[in-house]
Structures are given as structure tokens and as C-alpha cells.
PDB file of N, CA and C in Angstrom:
ATOM      1  N   MET A   1      21.747  71.786  20.448  1.00  0.00           N
ATOM      2  CA  MET A   1      21.463  71.791  21.877  1.00  0.00           C
ATOM      3  C   MET A   1      21.458  70.365  22.397  1.00  0.00           C
ATOM      4  N   THR A   2      22.105  70.145  23.504  1.00  0.00           N
ATOM      5  CA  THR A   2      22.128  68.818  24.116  1.00  0.00           C
ATOM      6  C   THR A   2      20.817  68.558  24.849  1.00  0.00           C
ATOM      7  N   GLN A   3      20.388  67.322  24.858  1.00  0.00           N
ATOM      8  CA  GLN A   3      19.131  66.966  25.499  1.00  0.00           C
ATOM      9  C   GLN A   3      19.261  66.915  27.016  1.00  0.00           C
ATOM     10  N   GLY A   4      20.463  66.718  27.547  1.00  0.00           N
ATOM     11  CA  GLY A   4      20.660  66.735  28.988  1.00  0.00           C
ATOM     12  C   GLY A   4      20.295  65.448  29.695  1.00  0.00           C
ATOM     13  N   PHE A   5      20.369  64.320  29.004  1.00  0.00           N
ATOM     14  CA  PHE A   5      20.139  63.051  29.684  1.00  0.00           C
ATOM     15  C   PHE A   5      21.078  61.995  29.134  1.00  0.00           C
ATOM     16  N   HIS A   6      21.420  61.048  30.017  1.00  0.00           N
ATOM     17  CA  HIS A   6      22.361  59.994  29.655  1.00  0.00           C
ATOM     18  C   HIS A   6      21.857  58.610  30.029  1.00  0.00           C
ATOM     19  N   ASP A   7      20.828  58.565  30.844  1.00  0.00           N
ATOM     20  CA  ASP A   7      20.259  57.300  31.283  1.00  0.00           C
ATOM     21  C   ASP A   7      18.781  57.518  31.599  1.00  0.00           C
ATOM     22  N   GLU A   8      18.096  56.473  32.047  1.00  0.00           N
ATOM     23  CA  GLU A   8      16.654  56.575  32.283  1.00  0.00           C
ATOM     24  C   GLU A   8      16.319  57.581  33.376  1.00  0.00           C
ATOM     25  N   LEU A   9      17.133  57.639  34.427  1.00  0.00           N
ATOM     26  CA  LEU A   9      16.831  58.582  35.504  1.00  0.00           C
ATOM     27  C   LEU A   9      16.973  60.031  35.056  1.00  0.00           C
ATOM     28  N   SER A  10      18.027  60.337  34.308  1.00  0.00           N
ATOM     29  CA  SER A  10      18.177  61.722  33.848  1.00  0.00           C
ATOM     30  C   SER A  10      17.136  62.045  32.772  1.00  0.00           C
ATOM     31  N   LEU A  11      16.720  61.054  31.977  1.00  0.00           N
ATOM     32  CA  LEU A  11      15.643  61.261  31.016  1.00  0.00           C
ATOM     33  C   LEU A  11      14.336  61.562  31.758  1.00  0.00           C
ATOM     34  N   ALA A  12      14.064  60.829  32.829  1.00  0.00           N
ATOM     35  CA  ALA A  12      12.855  61.069  33.623  1.00  0.00           C
ATOM     36  C   ALA A  12      12.897  62.462  34.248  1.00  0.00           C
ATOM     37  N   ASP A  13      14.071  62.883  34.731  1.00  0.00           N
ATOM     38  CA  ASP A  13      14.202  64.233  35.292  1.00  0.00           C
ATOM     39  C   ASP A  13      13.919  65.290  34.231  1.00  0.00           C
ATOM     40  N   ARG A  14      14.409  65.064  33.019  1.00  0.00           N
ATOM     41  CA  ARG A  14      14.174  66.006  31.916  1.00  0.00           C
ATOM     42  C   ARG A  14      12.695  66.031  31.550  1.00  0.00           C
ATOM     43  N   ALA A  15      12.031  64.874  31.582  1.00  0.00           N
ATOM     44  CA  ALA A  15      10.595  64.810  31.302  1.00  0.00           C
ATOM     45  C   ALA A  15       9.810  65.592  32.350  1.00  0.00           C
ATOM     46  N   VAL A  16      10.223  65.497  33.617  1.00  0.00           N
ATOM     47  CA  VAL A  16       9.568  66.268  34.677  1.00  0.00           C
ATOM     48  C   VAL A  16       9.714  67.764  34.399  1.00  0.00           C
ATOM     49  N   ALA A  17      10.909  68.196  34.020  1.00  0.00           N
ATOM     50  CA  ALA A  17      11.138  69.607  33.724  1.00  0.00           C
ATOM     51  C   ALA A  17      10.264  70.075  32.561  1.00  0.00           C
ATOM     52  N   LEU A  18      10.141  69.252  31.526  1.00  0.00           N
ATOM     53  CA  LEU A  18       9.284  69.602  30.398  1.00  0.00           C
ATOM     54  C   LEU A  18       7.815  69.644  30.810  1.00  0.00           C
ATOM     55  N   GLY A  19       7.396  68.720  31.669  1.00  0.00           N
ATOM     56  CA  GLY A  19       6.023  68.722  32.170  1.00  0.00           C
ATOM     57  C   GLY A  19       5.726  69.981  32.964  1.00  0.00           C
ATOM     58  N   GLU A  20       6.685  70.404  33.778  1.00  0.00           N
ATOM     59  CA  GLU A  20       6.511  71.639  34.540  1.00  0.00           C
ATOM     60  C   GLU A  20       6.417  72.850  33.607  1.00  0.00           C
ATOM     61  N   GLN A  21       7.200  72.827  32.548  1.00  0.00           N
ATOM     62  CA  GLN A  21       7.155  73.903  31.562  1.00  0.00           C
ATOM     63  C   GLN A  21       5.788  73.926  30.857  1.00  0.00           C
ATOM     64  N   ALA A  22       5.256  72.761  30.524  1.00  0.00           N
ATOM     65  CA  ALA A  22       3.930  72.677  29.896  1.00  0.00           C
ATOM     66  C   ALA A  22       2.848  73.197  30.836  1.00  0.00           C
ATOM     67  N   MET A  23       2.987  72.926  32.128  1.00  0.00           N
ATOM     68  CA  MET A  23       2.024  73.448  33.104  1.00  0.00           C
ATOM     69  C   MET A  23       2.114  74.976  33.186  1.00  0.00           C
ATOM     70  N   LYS A  24       3.322  75.514  33.241  1.00  0.00           N
ATOM     71  CA  LYS A  24       3.499  76.966  33.319  1.00  0.00           C
ATOM     72  C   LYS A  24       2.897  77.672  32.114  1.00  0.00           C
ATOM     73  N   GLN A  25       2.957  77.019  30.947  1.00  0.00           N
ATOM     74  CA  GLN A  25       2.399  77.607  29.731  1.00  0.00           C
ATOM     75  C   GLN A  25       0.894  77.367  29.602  1.00  0.00           C
ATOM     76  N   GLY A  26       0.316  76.641  30.560  1.00  0.00           N
ATOM     77  CA  GLY A  26      -1.120  76.391  30.551  1.00  0.00           C
ATOM     78  C   GLY A  26      -1.560  75.316  29.571  1.00  0.00           C
ATOM     79  N   ILE A  27      -0.635  74.523  29.076  1.00  0.00           N
ATOM     80  CA  ILE A  27      -0.962  73.467  28.108  1.00  0.00           C
ATOM     81  C   ILE A  27      -1.661  72.303  28.806  1.00  0.00           C
ATOM     82  N   ILE A  28      -1.185  71.973  30.004  1.00  0.00           N
ATOM     83  CA  ILE A  28      -1.813  70.930  30.820  1.00  0.00           C
ATOM     84  C   ILE A  28      -2.043  71.498  32.215  1.00  0.00           C
ATOM     85  N   PRO A  29      -3.092  71.038  32.910  1.00  0.00           N
ATOM     86  CA  PRO A  29      -3.348  71.557  34.253  1.00  0.00           C
ATOM     87  C   PRO A  29      -2.424  70.949  35.309  1.00  0.00           C
ATOM     88  N   SER A  30      -2.002  69.698  35.086  1.00  0.00           N
ATOM     89  CA  SER A  30      -1.152  69.009  36.054  1.00  0.00           C
ATOM     90  C   SER A  30      -0.651  67.709  35.443  1.00  0.00           C
ATOM     91  N   PHE A  31       0.265  67.077  36.164  1.00  0.00           N
ATOM     92  CA  PHE A  31       0.691  65.718  35.822  1.00  0.00           C
ATOM     93  C   PHE A  31       1.203  65.074  37.097  1.00  0.00           C
ATOM     94  N   VAL A  32       1.240  63.758  37.096  1.00  0.00           N
ATOM     95  CA  VAL A  32       1.649  62.992  38.273  1.00  0.00           C
ATOM     96  C   VAL A  32       2.806  62.089  37.875  1.00  0.00           C
ATOM     97  N   VAL A  33       3.785  61.985  38.757  1.00  0.00           N
ATOM     98  CA  VAL A  33       4.888  61.057  38.539  1.00  0.00           C
ATOM     99  C   VAL A  33       4.855  60.035  39.668  1.00  0.00           C
ATOM    100  N   ARG A  34       4.715  58.787  39.299  1.00  0.00           N
ATOM    101  CA  ARG A  34       4.790  57.693  40.280  1.00  0.00           C
ATOM    102  C   ARG A  34       6.234  57.213  40.326  1.00  0.00           C
ATOM    103  N   HIS A  35       6.794  57.214  41.511  1.00  0.00           N
ATOM    104  CA  HIS A  35       8.184  56.790  41.691  1.00  0.00           C
ATOM    105  C   HIS A  35       8.221  55.349  42.184  1.00  0.00           C
ATOM    106  N   TYR A  36       8.981  54.538  41.481  1.00  0.00           N
ATOM    107  CA  TYR A  36       9.232  53.157  41.868  1.00  0.00           C
ATOM    108  C   TYR A  36      10.732  52.996  42.056  1.00  0.00           C
ATOM    109  N   PRO A  37      11.168  51.938  42.719  1.00  0.00           N
ATOM    110  CA  PRO A  37      12.608  51.777  42.978  1.00  0.00           C
ATOM    111  C   PRO A  37      13.483  51.834  41.724  1.00  0.00           C
ATOM    112  N   ASP A  38      12.974  51.314  40.614  1.00  0.00           N
ATOM    113  CA  ASP A  38      13.808  51.255  39.412  1.00  0.00           C
ATOM    114  C   ASP A  38      13.257  52.028  38.219  1.00  0.00           C
ATOM    115  N   SER A  39      12.148  52.727  38.399  1.00  0.00           N
ATOM    116  CA  SER A  39      11.563  53.459  37.270  1.00  0.00           C
ATOM    117  C   SER A  39      10.551  54.493  37.763  1.00  0.00           C
ATOM    118  N   ARG A  40      10.027  55.252  36.805  1.00  0.00           N
ATOM    119  CA  ARG A  40       8.966  56.219  37.082  1.00  0.00           C
ATOM    120  C   ARG A  40       7.884  56.063  36.022  1.00  0.00           C
ATOM    121  N   GLN A  41       6.657  56.410  36.420  1.00  0.00           N
ATOM    122  CA  GLN A  41       5.540  56.422  35.487  1.00  0.00           C
ATOM    123  C   GLN A  41       4.925  57.815  35.527  1.00  0.00           C
ATOM    124  N   PHE A  42       4.521  58.297  34.368  1.00  0.00           N
ATOM    125  CA  PHE A  42       3.933  59.624  34.248  1.00  0.00           C
ATOM    126  C   PHE A  42       2.461  59.492  33.898  1.00  0.00           C
ATOM    127  N   LEU A  43       1.632  60.283  34.567  1.00  0.00           N
ATOM    128  CA  LEU A  43       0.200  60.316  34.290  1.00  0.00           C
ATOM    129  C   LEU A  43      -0.194  61.759  33.991  1.00  0.00           C
ATOM    130  N   ILE A  44      -0.878  61.945  32.876  1.00  0.00           N
ATOM    131  CA  ILE A  44      -1.377  63.267  32.512  1.00  0.00           C
ATOM    132  C   ILE A  44      -2.896  63.191  32.586  1.00  0.00           C
ATOM    133  N   PRO A  45      -3.519  63.920  33.530  1.00  0.00           N
ATOM    134  CA  PRO A  45      -4.979  63.860  33.662  1.00  0.00           C
ATOM    135  C   PRO A  45      -5.677  64.213  32.350  1.00  0.00           C
ATOM    136  N   ASP A  46      -6.764  63.522  32.068  1.00  0.00           N
ATOM    137  CA  ASP A  46      -7.589  63.725  30.878  1.00  0.00           C
ATOM    138  C   ASP A  46      -6.859  63.377  29.587  1.00  0.00           C
ATOM    139  N   ASP A  47      -5.722  62.715  29.677  1.00  0.00           N
ATOM    140  CA  ASP A  47      -4.991  62.351  28.465  1.00  0.00           C
ATOM    141  C   ASP A  47      -5.254  60.897  28.105  1.00  0.00           C
ATOM    142  N   SER A  48      -4.967  60.011  29.005  1.00  0.00           N
ATOM    143  CA  SER A  48      -5.227  58.585  28.789  1.00  0.00           C
ATOM    144  C   SER A  48      -5.199  57.895  30.138  1.00  0.00           C
ATOM    145  N   ALA A  49      -5.778  56.721  30.168  1.00  0.00           N
ATOM    146  CA  ALA A  49      -5.785  55.963  31.415  1.00  0.00           C
ATOM    147  C   ALA A  49      -4.462  55.250  31.646  1.00  0.00           C
ATOM    148  N   GLU A  50      -3.681  55.118  30.591  1.00  0.00           N
ATOM    149  CA  GLU A  50      -2.427  54.382  30.683  1.00  0.00           C
ATOM    150  C   GLU A  50      -1.279  55.287  31.124  1.00  0.00           C
ATOM    151  N   PRO A  51      -0.486  54.834  32.094  1.00  0.00           N
ATOM    152  CA  PRO A  51       0.698  55.615  32.470  1.00  0.00           C
ATOM    153  C   PRO A  51       1.744  55.589  31.362  1.00  0.00           C
ATOM    154  N   LEU A  52       2.549  56.635  31.307  1.00  0.00           N
ATOM    155  CA  LEU A  52       3.588  56.753  30.296  1.00  0.00           C
ATOM    156  C   LEU A  52       4.946  56.428  30.883  1.00  0.00           C
ATOM    157  N   THR A  53       5.806  55.845  30.074  1.00  0.00           N
ATOM    158  CA  THR A  53       7.196  55.640  30.484  1.00  0.00           C
ATOM    159  C   THR A  53       7.907  56.995  30.413  1.00  0.00           C
ATOM    160  N   PRO A  54       9.089  57.120  31.012  1.00  0.00           N
ATOM    161  CA  PRO A  54       9.831  58.386  30.883  1.00  0.00           C
ATOM    162  C   PRO A  54      10.072  58.774  29.418  1.00  0.00           C
ATOM    163  N   GLU A  55      10.361  57.793  28.565  1.00  0.00           N
ATOM    164  CA  GLU A  55      10.583  58.076  27.145  1.00  0.00           C
ATOM    165  C   GLU A  55       9.326  58.627  26.483  1.00  0.00           C
ATOM    166  N   GLU A  56       8.192  57.983  26.759  1.00  0.00           N
ATOM    167  CA  GLU A  56       6.921  58.431  26.180  1.00  0.00           C
ATOM    168  C   GLU A  56       6.544  59.815  26.686  1.00  0.00           C
ATOM    169  N   ALA A  57       6.739  60.048  27.993  1.00  0.00           N
ATOM    170  CA  ALA A  57       6.404  61.354  28.569  1.00  0.00           C
ATOM    171  C   ALA A  57       7.299  62.443  27.983  1.00  0.00           C
ATOM    172  N   PHE A  58       8.598  62.162  27.850  1.00  0.00           N
ATOM    173  CA  PHE A  58       9.534  63.126  27.278  1.00  0.00           C
ATOM    174  C   PHE A  58       9.078  63.541  25.886  1.00  0.00           C
ATOM    175  N   LEU A  59       8.770  62.563  25.030  1.00  0.00           N
ATOM    176  CA  LEU A  59       8.346  62.869  23.667  1.00  0.00           C
ATOM    177  C   LEU A  59       7.004  63.591  23.633  1.00  0.00           C
ATOM    178  N   LYS A  60       6.073  63.181  24.493  1.00  0.00           N
ATOM    179  CA  LYS A  60       4.752  63.822  24.529  1.00  0.00           C
ATOM    180  C   LYS A  60       4.870  65.280  24.960  1.00  0.00           C
ATOM    181  N   PHE A  61       5.671  65.544  26.005  1.00  0.00           N
ATOM    182  CA  PHE A  61       5.836  66.924  26.470  1.00  0.00           C
ATOM    183  C   PHE A  61       6.554  67.766  25.414  1.00  0.00           C
ATOM    184  N   LYS A  62       7.570  67.197  24.749  1.00  0.00           N
ATOM    185  CA  LYS A  62       8.269  67.932  23.681  1.00  0.00           C
ATOM    186  C   LYS A  62       7.279  68.300  22.572  1.00  0.00           C
ATOM    187  N   LYS A  63       6.408  67.363  22.219  1.00  0.00           N
ATOM    188  CA  LYS A  63       5.419  67.628  21.173  1.00  0.00           C
ATOM    189  C   LYS A  63       4.436  68.714  21.620  1.00  0.00           C
ATOM    190  N   MET A  64       3.984  68.640  22.871  1.00  0.00           N
ATOM    191  CA  MET A  64       3.065  69.656  23.401  1.00  0.00           C
ATOM    192  C   MET A  64       3.675  71.053  23.349  1.00  0.00           C
ATOM    193  N   LEU A  65       4.963  71.106  23.623  1.00  0.00           N
ATOM    194  CA  LEU A  65       5.664  72.394  23.668  1.00  0.00           C
ATOM    195  C   LEU A  65       6.116  72.855  22.282  1.00  0.00           C
ATOM    196  N   GLY A  66       5.826  72.052  21.268  1.00  0.00           N
ATOM    197  CA  GLY A  66       6.173  72.415  19.900  1.00  0.00           C
ATOM    198  C   GLY A  66       7.654  72.309  19.599  1.00  0.00           C
ATOM    199  N   GLU A  67       8.368  71.479  20.355  1.00  0.00           N
ATOM    200  CA  GLU A  67       9.800  71.324  20.155  1.00  0.00           C
ATOM    201  C   GLU A  67      10.142  70.197  19.187  1.00  0.00           C
ATOM    202  N   ILE A  68       9.127  69.424  18.766  1.00  0.00           N
ATOM    203  CA  ILE A  68       9.324  68.420  17.703  1.00  0.00           C
ATOM    204  C   ILE A  68       8.147  68.457  16.777  1.00  0.00           C
TER     205      ILE A  68
END
């Protein structure tokens, strides 16, 4: 299966989709994406005070969903 990303923006979009899937499954109550001109930051409430990069969020959501 292809991961569906080729650059940071498409990776961030894929991370958002995985975050939405984790919310639908009740794994997390919510998450926040901060949009900046050249990047995005992901925040998962009650997870950590530090924002995640798109790469970190992608891997964290994949792990939550049991895909890795």
C-alpha cells in the first residue's frame, strides 16, 4: 500500500487524515493543527506540551491506530 505522500504538505495532510481516523475510533478526543506559511504543527491534548512535526504526528497516529 502506498503511503500517499510525496512532500511535507502531503505528509501533513495524511497525518490529519490519520488523526481524524483516531478521533472516530475514540482513541483521542481531539487534536489541533497550527498552520504556518511553510509548515504545520500538531497538538494532541493530554499527550505532551510540545507540538509535533508532521512526521512525528504521522508516526504517532499510525502507532495509535496499530498500523506500525
